[in-house]
Amino acid sequence: MAPTNNSSPSPSDASRLMDILEWNNGNSGIGVHLSTSTASSRDLYANLVDTAGVSHQVSSGAGLLQDQVFQHIALTYDKASGQAGGLN
């Protein structure tokens, strides 16, 4: 079974860097994280870190997020290929 997180953020200012979701082990080991506006304004960025510490990153294009509007976020990860995708 794949991990699932259903998130519908409604940011007041989607152009600012904001963490939506982050998992860490409490000892400086980061796992999965999902953020806004990291590479460009109003984008989504996800990084899934596997058990070997390898990052699998994916990001949307600029301008995807809107201010003060609930938006559904979906992210998929294929363990066999190590590819993250479907960020929208």
C-alpha atoms as a PDB file:
ATOM      1  CA  MET A   1       0.000   0.000   0.000  1.00  0.00           C
ATOM      2  CA  ALA A   2       1.363   3.426  -0.966  1.00  0.00           C
ATOM      3  CA  PRO A   3       1.292   6.287   1.530  1.00  0.00           C
ATOM      4  CA  THR A   4      -1.423   8.834   0.882  1.00  0.00           C
ATOM      5  CA  ASN A   5      -1.935  12.389   2.030  1.00  0.00           C
ATOM      6  CA  ASN A   6      -4.951  14.326   0.875  1.00  0.00           C
ATOM      7  CA  SER A   7      -4.338  18.047   1.110  1.00  0.00           C
ATOM      8  CA  SER A   8      -6.427  21.015   0.015  1.00  0.00           C
ATOM      9  CA  PRO A   9      -4.521  24.145   0.981  1.00  0.00           C
ATOM     10  CA  SER A  10      -5.974  27.628   0.650  1.00  0.00           C
ATOM     11  CA  PRO A  11      -2.913  29.892   0.943  1.00  0.00           C
ATOM     12  CA  SER A  12      -3.430  33.571   1.685  1.00  0.00           C
ATOM     13  CA  ASP A  13      -0.390  34.379  -0.498  1.00  0.00           C
ATOM     14  CA  ALA A  14       0.572  31.498  -2.792  1.00  0.00           C
ATOM     15  CA  SER A  15       3.577  33.438  -4.113  1.00  0.00           C
ATOM     16  CA  ARG A  16       5.421  32.960  -0.785  1.00  0.00           C
ATOM     17  CA  LEU A  17       7.468  29.918   0.200  1.00  0.00           C
ATOM     18  CA  MET A  18       5.296  27.722   2.433  1.00  0.00           C
ATOM     19  CA  ASP A  19       5.600  24.134   3.602  1.00  0.00           C
ATOM     20  CA  ILE A  20       2.370  22.197   3.134  1.00  0.00           C
ATOM     21  CA  LEU A  21       3.629  18.852   4.402  1.00  0.00           C
ATOM     22  CA  GLU A  22       6.901  17.579   5.834  1.00  0.00           C
ATOM     23  CA  TRP A  23       7.966  14.353   7.482  1.00  0.00           C
ATOM     24  CA  ASN A  24      11.246  13.982   9.354  1.00  0.00           C
ATOM     25  CA  ASN A  25      12.554  11.499  11.864  1.00  0.00           C
ATOM     26  CA  GLY A  26      13.186  14.089  14.576  1.00  0.00           C
ATOM     27  CA  ASN A  27      16.933  13.646  14.186  1.00  0.00           C
ATOM     28  CA  SER A  28      17.683  15.864  11.153  1.00  0.00           C
ATOM     29  CA  GLY A  29      16.630  13.153   8.683  1.00  0.00           C
ATOM     30  CA  ILE A  30      14.100  14.626   6.282  1.00  0.00           C
ATOM     31  CA  GLY A  31      11.713  12.428   4.348  1.00  0.00           C
ATOM     32  CA  VAL A  32       8.870  13.599   2.156  1.00  0.00           C
ATOM     33  CA  HIS A  33       8.099  17.283   1.887  1.00  0.00           C
ATOM     34  CA  LEU A  34       5.727  19.380  -0.200  1.00  0.00           C
ATOM     35  CA  SER A  35       6.110  23.143  -0.540  1.00  0.00           C
ATOM     36  CA  THR A  36       4.878  26.132  -2.520  1.00  0.00           C
ATOM     37  CA  SER A  37       6.849  28.711  -4.491  1.00  0.00           C
ATOM     38  CA  THR A  38      10.318  27.154  -4.312  1.00  0.00           C
ATOM     39  CA  ALA A  39      11.573  27.365  -7.914  1.00  0.00           C
ATOM     40  CA  SER A  40       9.149  29.976  -9.237  1.00  0.00           C
ATOM     41  CA  SER A  41       6.154  31.932  -8.061  1.00  0.00           C
ATOM     42  CA  ARG A  42       3.019  29.947  -7.249  1.00  0.00           C
ATOM     43  CA  ASP A  43       4.505  26.536  -8.067  1.00  0.00           C
ATOM     44  CA  LEU A  44       4.353  23.247  -6.177  1.00  0.00           C
ATOM     45  CA  TYR A  45       7.471  21.296  -5.256  1.00  0.00           C
ATOM     46  CA  ALA A  46       7.738  17.821  -3.775  1.00  0.00           C
ATOM     47  CA  ASN A  47      10.744  15.822  -2.658  1.00  0.00           C
ATOM     48  CA  LEU A  48      10.431  12.188  -1.674  1.00  0.00           C
ATOM     49  CA  VAL A  49      13.569  10.926   0.049  1.00  0.00           C
ATOM     50  CA  ASP A  50      13.972   7.153  -0.041  1.00  0.00           C
ATOM     51  CA  THR A  51      15.529   4.920   2.624  1.00  0.00           C
ATOM     52  CA  ALA A  52      18.959   5.285   0.963  1.00  0.00           C
ATOM     53  CA  GLY A  53      18.715   9.087   1.300  1.00  0.00           C
ATOM     54  CA  VAL A  54      18.190   9.632  -2.435  1.00  0.00           C
ATOM     55  CA  SER A  55      15.873  12.516  -3.338  1.00  0.00           C
ATOM     56  CA  HIS A  56      13.146  12.108  -5.942  1.00  0.00           C
ATOM     57  CA  GLN A  57      12.033  15.635  -6.819  1.00  0.00           C
ATOM     58  CA  VAL A  58       9.184  16.934  -8.919  1.00  0.00           C
ATOM     59  CA  SER A  59       7.754  20.410  -9.416  1.00  0.00           C
ATOM     60  CA  SER A  60       4.922  22.020 -11.290  1.00  0.00           C
ATOM     61  CA  GLY A  61       5.162  24.991 -13.576  1.00  0.00           C
ATOM     62  CA  ALA A  62       4.849  28.554 -12.316  1.00  0.00           C
ATOM     63  CA  GLY A  63       1.456  30.075 -11.646  1.00  0.00           C
ATOM     64  CA  LEU A  64      -0.365  26.901 -10.652  1.00  0.00           C
ATOM     65  CA  LEU A  65      -1.555  28.051  -7.209  1.00  0.00           C
ATOM     66  CA  GLN A  66      -4.109  30.762  -6.500  1.00  0.00           C
ATOM     67  CA  ASP A  67      -4.623  32.908  -3.407  1.00  0.00           C
ATOM     68  CA  GLN A  68      -7.422  32.040  -0.958  1.00  0.00           C
ATOM     69  CA  VAL A  69      -8.856  29.219  -3.072  1.00  0.00           C
ATOM     70  CA  PHE A  70      -8.955  25.597  -1.900  1.00  0.00           C
ATOM     71  CA  GLN A  71      -6.928  23.504  -4.320  1.00  0.00           C
ATOM     72  CA  HIS A  72      -6.557  19.733  -4.400  1.00  0.00           C
ATOM     73  CA  ILE A  73      -2.977  18.451  -4.541  1.00  0.00           C
ATOM     74  CA  ALA A  74      -2.099  14.976  -5.774  1.00  0.00           C
ATOM     75  CA  LEU A  75       1.336  13.388  -5.917  1.00  0.00           C
ATOM     76  CA  THR A  76       2.205   9.907  -7.113  1.00  0.00           C
ATOM     77  CA  TYR A  77       5.380   7.884  -6.714  1.00  0.00           C
ATOM     78  CA  ASP A  78       6.349   4.701  -8.517  1.00  0.00           C
ATOM     79  CA  LYS A  79       8.709   2.722  -6.285  1.00  0.00           C
ATOM     80  CA  ALA A  80       9.821   0.383  -9.091  1.00  0.00           C
ATOM     81  CA  SER A  81      11.100   3.209 -11.301  1.00  0.00           C
ATOM     82  CA  GLY A  82      11.915   5.719  -8.546  1.00  0.00           C
ATOM     83  CA  GLN A  83       9.914   8.383 -10.362  1.00  0.00           C
ATOM     84  CA  ALA A  84       7.653  10.945  -8.711  1.00  0.00           C
ATOM     85  CA  GLY A  85       4.986  12.601 -10.787  1.00  0.00           C
ATOM     86  CA  GLY A  86       1.408  13.661 -11.128  1.00  0.00           C
ATOM     87  CA  LEU A  87       1.886  16.834  -9.131  1.00  0.00           C
ATOM     88  CA  ASN A  88      -1.077  19.061  -9.864  1.00  0.00           C
END
